[in-house]
Amino acid sequence: MDFAIIETGGKQYKVSAGQKLRVEKLEGEKGGRLSFDKVLLKSEGGKVEIGTPYLKGGVEAELVNQGRDEKKIVFRYHSKTRYRKLKGHRQPHTEVIVKKI
């Protein structure tokens, strides 16, 4: 199985061709092309290449959707002092389909 490990948005993802992936928000239009240049590792036909720190070439992907995650509740509480803070947060994300490694 051919796969690659890429870095985007401060996180690392193991991807293979045809995989749908949700990453931190990236700029672009729906249906647009993206290229992930920070490839840390690539495995093709049992042959493994490891970057120091990155490999040349990239992983091609197609932008499918822009969206936001479900609301996360941030609640701070100090007992006996009447301190309560309630906040909500929705993290933006981008859905992509990996086309070519």
N, C-alpha and C. Protein backbone atom coordinates (compact mmCIF):
# COMPACT_ATOMS: atom_id res chain seq x y z
N MET A 1 0.84 -1.18 0.00
CA MET A 1 0.00 0.00 0.00
C MET A 1 0.87 1.24 0.00
N ASP A 2 0.62 2.12 -0.94
CA ASP A 2 1.39 3.36 -1.04
C ASP A 2 0.77 4.41 -0.12
N PHE A 3 1.62 5.07 0.65
CA PHE A 3 1.15 6.14 1.53
C PHE A 3 2.26 7.16 1.73
N ALA A 4 1.88 8.29 2.32
CA ALA A 4 2.85 9.34 2.65
C ALA A 4 2.43 9.95 3.97
N ILE A 5 3.39 10.55 4.66
CA ILE A 5 3.10 11.30 5.87
C ILE A 5 3.40 12.76 5.55
N ILE A 6 2.36 13.60 5.68
CA ILE A 6 2.51 15.02 5.36
C ILE A 6 2.32 15.85 6.62
N GLU A 7 2.79 17.08 6.57
CA GLU A 7 2.61 18.00 7.68
C GLU A 7 1.85 19.22 7.17
N THR A 8 0.77 19.57 7.86
CA THR A 8 0.02 20.78 7.54
C THR A 8 -0.71 21.24 8.79
N GLY A 9 -0.74 22.53 9.00
CA GLY A 9 -1.44 23.08 10.16
C GLY A 9 -0.84 22.67 11.49
N GLY A 10 0.46 22.36 11.51
CA GLY A 10 1.11 21.96 12.74
C GLY A 10 0.84 20.52 13.15
N LYS A 11 0.20 19.76 12.27
CA LYS A 11 -0.10 18.36 12.57
C LYS A 11 0.42 17.47 11.45
N GLN A 12 0.57 16.19 11.74
CA GLN A 12 1.04 15.23 10.74
C GLN A 12 -0.08 14.25 10.43
N TYR A 13 -0.21 13.90 9.14
CA TYR A 13 -1.27 13.01 8.68
C TYR A 13 -0.68 11.92 7.79
N LYS A 14 -1.16 10.68 7.97
CA LYS A 14 -0.81 9.58 7.08
C LYS A 14 -1.88 9.54 6.00
N VAL A 15 -1.49 9.72 4.73
CA VAL A 15 -2.45 9.80 3.64
C VAL A 15 -2.12 8.80 2.55
N SER A 16 -3.16 8.38 1.82
CA SER A 16 -2.98 7.55 0.64
C SER A 16 -3.91 8.08 -0.44
N ALA A 17 -3.68 7.70 -1.69
CA ALA A 17 -4.46 8.21 -2.81
C ALA A 17 -5.92 7.83 -2.66
N GLY A 18 -6.82 8.79 -2.90
CA GLY A 18 -8.25 8.57 -2.80
C GLY A 18 -8.84 8.78 -1.42
N GLN A 19 -8.00 9.09 -0.45
CA GLN A 19 -8.46 9.26 0.93
C GLN A 19 -9.06 10.66 1.13
N LYS A 20 -10.18 10.72 1.87
CA LYS A 20 -10.78 12.00 2.24
C LYS A 20 -10.23 12.38 3.60
N LEU A 21 -9.85 13.65 3.75
CA LEU A 21 -9.11 14.09 4.94
C LEU A 21 -9.63 15.44 5.39
N ARG A 22 -9.70 15.65 6.70
CA ARG A 22 -10.10 16.94 7.26
C ARG A 22 -8.90 17.56 7.97
N VAL A 23 -8.45 18.73 7.48
CA VAL A 23 -7.25 19.39 8.01
C VAL A 23 -7.62 20.79 8.49
N GLU A 24 -6.67 21.45 9.14
CA GLU A 24 -6.87 22.84 9.55
C GLU A 24 -7.17 23.69 8.32
N LYS A 25 -7.84 24.80 8.51
CA LYS A 25 -8.32 25.63 7.40
C LYS A 25 -7.18 26.07 6.47
N LEU A 26 -7.41 25.86 5.18
CA LEU A 26 -6.50 26.29 4.12
C LEU A 26 -7.25 27.19 3.17
N GLU A 27 -6.56 28.14 2.57
CA GLU A 27 -7.18 29.05 1.61
C GLU A 27 -7.42 28.33 0.30
N GLY A 28 -8.54 28.63 -0.34
CA GLY A 28 -8.83 28.04 -1.64
C GLY A 28 -10.31 27.94 -1.88
N GLU A 29 -10.67 27.73 -3.13
CA GLU A 29 -12.07 27.59 -3.53
C GLU A 29 -12.45 26.12 -3.65
N LYS A 30 -13.73 25.85 -3.52
CA LYS A 30 -14.26 24.50 -3.65
C LYS A 30 -13.93 23.96 -5.05
N GLY A 31 -13.38 22.76 -5.12
CA GLY A 31 -12.98 22.17 -6.39
C GLY A 31 -11.58 22.55 -6.83
N GLY A 32 -10.90 23.40 -6.06
CA GLY A 32 -9.55 23.83 -6.40
C GLY A 32 -8.49 22.79 -6.07
N ARG A 33 -7.30 22.98 -6.61
CA ARG A 33 -6.18 22.06 -6.38
C ARG A 33 -5.31 22.59 -5.25
N LEU A 34 -4.80 21.67 -4.43
CA LEU A 34 -3.86 21.99 -3.36
C LEU A 34 -2.64 21.09 -3.51
N SER A 35 -1.51 21.58 -3.03
CA SER A 35 -0.30 20.77 -3.02
C SER A 35 0.33 20.87 -1.64
N PHE A 36 0.54 19.73 -1.01
CA PHE A 36 1.22 19.69 0.29
C PHE A 36 2.69 19.42 0.04
N ASP A 37 3.54 20.42 0.30
CA ASP A 37 4.97 20.31 0.01
C ASP A 37 5.78 19.70 1.15
N LYS A 38 5.24 19.74 2.37
CA LYS A 38 5.98 19.21 3.51
C LYS A 38 5.69 17.71 3.65
N VAL A 39 6.41 16.90 2.88
CA VAL A 39 6.26 15.45 2.92
C VAL A 39 7.40 14.89 3.77
N LEU A 40 7.06 14.22 4.85
CA LEU A 40 8.05 13.70 5.79
C LEU A 40 8.52 12.29 5.42
N LEU A 41 7.60 11.48 4.88
CA LEU A 41 7.91 10.09 4.56
C LEU A 41 7.04 9.66 3.40
N LYS A 42 7.60 8.82 2.52
CA LYS A 42 6.84 8.31 1.38
C LYS A 42 7.15 6.83 1.22
N SER A 43 6.10 6.01 1.05
CA SER A 43 6.26 4.58 0.84
C SER A 43 5.57 4.21 -0.45
N GLU A 44 6.35 3.70 -1.42
CA GLU A 44 5.78 3.28 -2.70
C GLU A 44 6.30 1.89 -3.03
N GLY A 45 5.41 0.92 -3.13
CA GLY A 45 5.77 -0.44 -3.48
C GLY A 45 6.76 -1.08 -2.52
N GLY A 46 6.64 -0.79 -1.24
CA GLY A 46 7.55 -1.37 -0.26
C GLY A 46 8.84 -0.60 -0.08
N LYS A 47 9.11 0.38 -0.94
CA LYS A 47 10.31 1.20 -0.84
C LYS A 47 9.98 2.46 -0.03
N VAL A 48 10.71 2.68 1.05
CA VAL A 48 10.42 3.79 1.96
C VAL A 48 11.49 4.87 1.83
N GLU A 49 11.05 6.11 1.66
CA GLU A 49 11.95 7.27 1.64
C GLU A 49 11.63 8.14 2.84
N ILE A 50 12.65 8.55 3.56
CA ILE A 50 12.47 9.39 4.74
C ILE A 50 13.17 10.72 4.48
N GLY A 51 12.47 11.82 4.73
CA GLY A 51 13.02 13.15 4.49
C GLY A 51 13.86 13.63 5.65
N THR A 52 14.77 14.56 5.35
CA THR A 52 15.62 15.16 6.38
C THR A 52 15.58 16.67 6.26
N PRO A 53 14.61 17.41 6.68
CA PRO A 53 13.36 16.96 7.29
C PRO A 53 12.25 16.66 6.27
N TYR A 54 12.34 17.21 5.03
CA TYR A 54 11.27 17.01 4.05
C TYR A 54 11.82 16.40 2.77
N LEU A 55 10.93 15.75 2.03
CA LEU A 55 11.28 15.18 0.73
C LEU A 55 10.94 16.18 -0.38
N LYS A 56 11.62 16.03 -1.53
CA LYS A 56 11.27 16.83 -2.70
C LYS A 56 9.98 16.27 -3.31
N GLY A 57 9.23 17.14 -3.97
CA GLY A 57 7.94 16.72 -4.51
C GLY A 57 6.86 16.93 -3.48
N GLY A 58 5.64 16.71 -3.87
CA GLY A 58 4.54 16.96 -2.96
C GLY A 58 3.40 15.99 -3.16
N VAL A 59 2.36 16.19 -2.38
CA VAL A 59 1.15 15.40 -2.46
C VAL A 59 0.06 16.30 -3.02
N GLU A 60 -0.59 15.85 -4.10
CA GLU A 60 -1.64 16.63 -4.76
C GLU A 60 -2.99 16.27 -4.15
N ALA A 61 -3.83 17.30 -3.96
CA ALA A 61 -5.15 17.07 -3.38
C ALA A 61 -6.15 18.04 -4.01
N GLU A 62 -7.42 17.69 -3.87
CA GLU A 62 -8.51 18.54 -4.36
C GLU A 62 -9.33 19.01 -3.18
N LEU A 63 -9.62 20.31 -3.11
CA LEU A 63 -10.39 20.89 -2.02
C LEU A 63 -11.87 20.56 -2.25
N VAL A 64 -12.48 19.91 -1.27
CA VAL A 64 -13.88 19.49 -1.40
C VAL A 64 -14.83 20.45 -0.70
N ASN A 65 -14.47 20.88 0.50
CA ASN A 65 -15.40 21.67 1.30
C ASN A 65 -14.67 22.49 2.35
N GLN A 66 -15.20 23.66 2.66
CA GLN A 66 -14.75 24.47 3.79
C GLN A 66 -15.86 24.41 4.83
N GLY A 67 -15.52 24.29 6.10
CA GLY A 67 -16.57 24.21 7.11
C GLY A 67 -16.04 24.52 8.49
N ARG A 68 -16.91 24.31 9.48
CA ARG A 68 -16.54 24.51 10.87
C ARG A 68 -16.98 23.30 11.68
N ASP A 69 -16.18 22.93 12.68
CA ASP A 69 -16.49 21.78 13.53
C ASP A 69 -17.67 22.10 14.44
N GLU A 70 -18.07 21.10 15.20
CA GLU A 70 -19.11 21.30 16.20
C GLU A 70 -18.60 22.23 17.28
N LYS A 71 -19.52 22.87 17.98
CA LYS A 71 -19.13 23.82 19.01
C LYS A 71 -18.49 23.11 20.20
N LYS A 72 -17.35 23.61 20.62
CA LYS A 72 -16.67 23.12 21.82
C LYS A 72 -16.96 24.11 22.93
N ILE A 73 -17.29 23.62 24.10
CA ILE A 73 -17.59 24.46 25.25
C ILE A 73 -16.32 24.65 26.08
N VAL A 74 -16.01 25.90 26.39
CA VAL A 74 -14.89 26.24 27.25
C VAL A 74 -15.49 26.85 28.51
N PHE A 75 -15.42 26.14 29.62
CA PHE A 75 -16.04 26.59 30.86
C PHE A 75 -14.99 26.68 31.95
N ARG A 76 -14.88 27.86 32.54
CA ARG A 76 -13.94 28.06 33.65
C ARG A 76 -14.75 28.26 34.93
N TYR A 77 -14.27 27.67 36.00
CA TYR A 77 -15.02 27.69 37.24
C TYR A 77 -14.05 27.68 38.42
N HIS A 78 -14.25 28.61 39.35
CA HIS A 78 -13.52 28.60 40.62
C HIS A 78 -14.54 28.42 41.72
N SER A 79 -14.35 27.42 42.52
CA SER A 79 -15.32 27.16 43.57
C SER A 79 -15.22 28.21 44.67
N LYS A 80 -16.32 28.49 45.31
CA LYS A 80 -16.43 29.38 46.48
C LYS A 80 -16.15 30.85 46.17
N THR A 81 -15.98 31.22 44.89
CA THR A 81 -15.69 32.63 44.59
C THR A 81 -16.66 33.23 43.59
N ARG A 82 -17.70 32.50 43.21
CA ARG A 82 -18.70 32.95 42.24
C ARG A 82 -18.09 33.29 40.87
N TYR A 83 -17.04 32.57 40.51
CA TYR A 83 -16.38 32.81 39.22
C TYR A 83 -16.80 31.74 38.22
N ARG A 84 -17.51 32.16 37.19
CA ARG A 84 -17.92 31.26 36.12
C ARG A 84 -17.80 31.98 34.80
N LYS A 85 -17.13 31.37 33.84
CA LYS A 85 -17.00 31.92 32.48
C LYS A 85 -17.39 30.82 31.50
N LEU A 86 -18.26 31.12 30.56
CA LEU A 86 -18.69 30.16 29.57
C LEU A 86 -18.41 30.74 28.19
N LYS A 87 -17.68 29.99 27.38
CA LYS A 87 -17.36 30.40 26.02
C LYS A 87 -17.60 29.23 25.09
N GLY A 88 -17.89 29.52 23.85
CA GLY A 88 -18.01 28.48 22.84
C GLY A 88 -17.02 28.77 21.72
N HIS A 89 -16.59 27.71 21.02
CA HIS A 89 -15.61 27.88 19.94
C HIS A 89 -15.90 26.86 18.85
N ARG A 90 -15.88 27.32 17.58
CA ARG A 90 -16.02 26.42 16.44
C ARG A 90 -14.80 26.58 15.56
N GLN A 91 -13.99 25.52 15.46
CA GLN A 91 -12.74 25.55 14.71
C GLN A 91 -13.02 25.38 13.22
N PRO A 92 -12.52 26.29 12.37
CA PRO A 92 -12.69 26.10 10.92
C PRO A 92 -11.80 24.98 10.40
N HIS A 93 -12.27 24.26 9.37
CA HIS A 93 -11.51 23.17 8.79
C HIS A 93 -11.73 23.13 7.29
N THR A 94 -10.89 22.36 6.61
CA THR A 94 -10.98 22.15 5.17
C THR A 94 -10.98 20.66 4.91
N GLU A 95 -11.90 20.20 4.06
CA GLU A 95 -11.94 18.80 3.66
C GLU A 95 -11.30 18.67 2.29
N VAL A 96 -10.37 17.71 2.16
CA VAL A 96 -9.67 17.49 0.90
C VAL A 96 -9.71 16.01 0.55
N ILE A 97 -9.56 15.72 -0.74
CA ILE A 97 -9.39 14.35 -1.21
C ILE A 97 -8.00 14.27 -1.83
N VAL A 98 -7.19 13.32 -1.38
CA VAL A 98 -5.83 13.15 -1.89
C VAL A 98 -5.93 12.49 -3.26
N LYS A 99 -5.33 13.14 -4.27
CA LYS A 99 -5.40 12.64 -5.63
C LYS A 99 -4.17 11.83 -6.00
N LYS A 100 -2.97 12.37 -5.68
CA LYS A 100 -1.74 11.73 -6.13
C LYS A 100 -0.64 11.93 -5.10
N ILE A 101 0.12 10.88 -4.88
CA ILE A 101 1.27 10.97 -3.97
C ILE A 101 2.54 11.08 -4.81
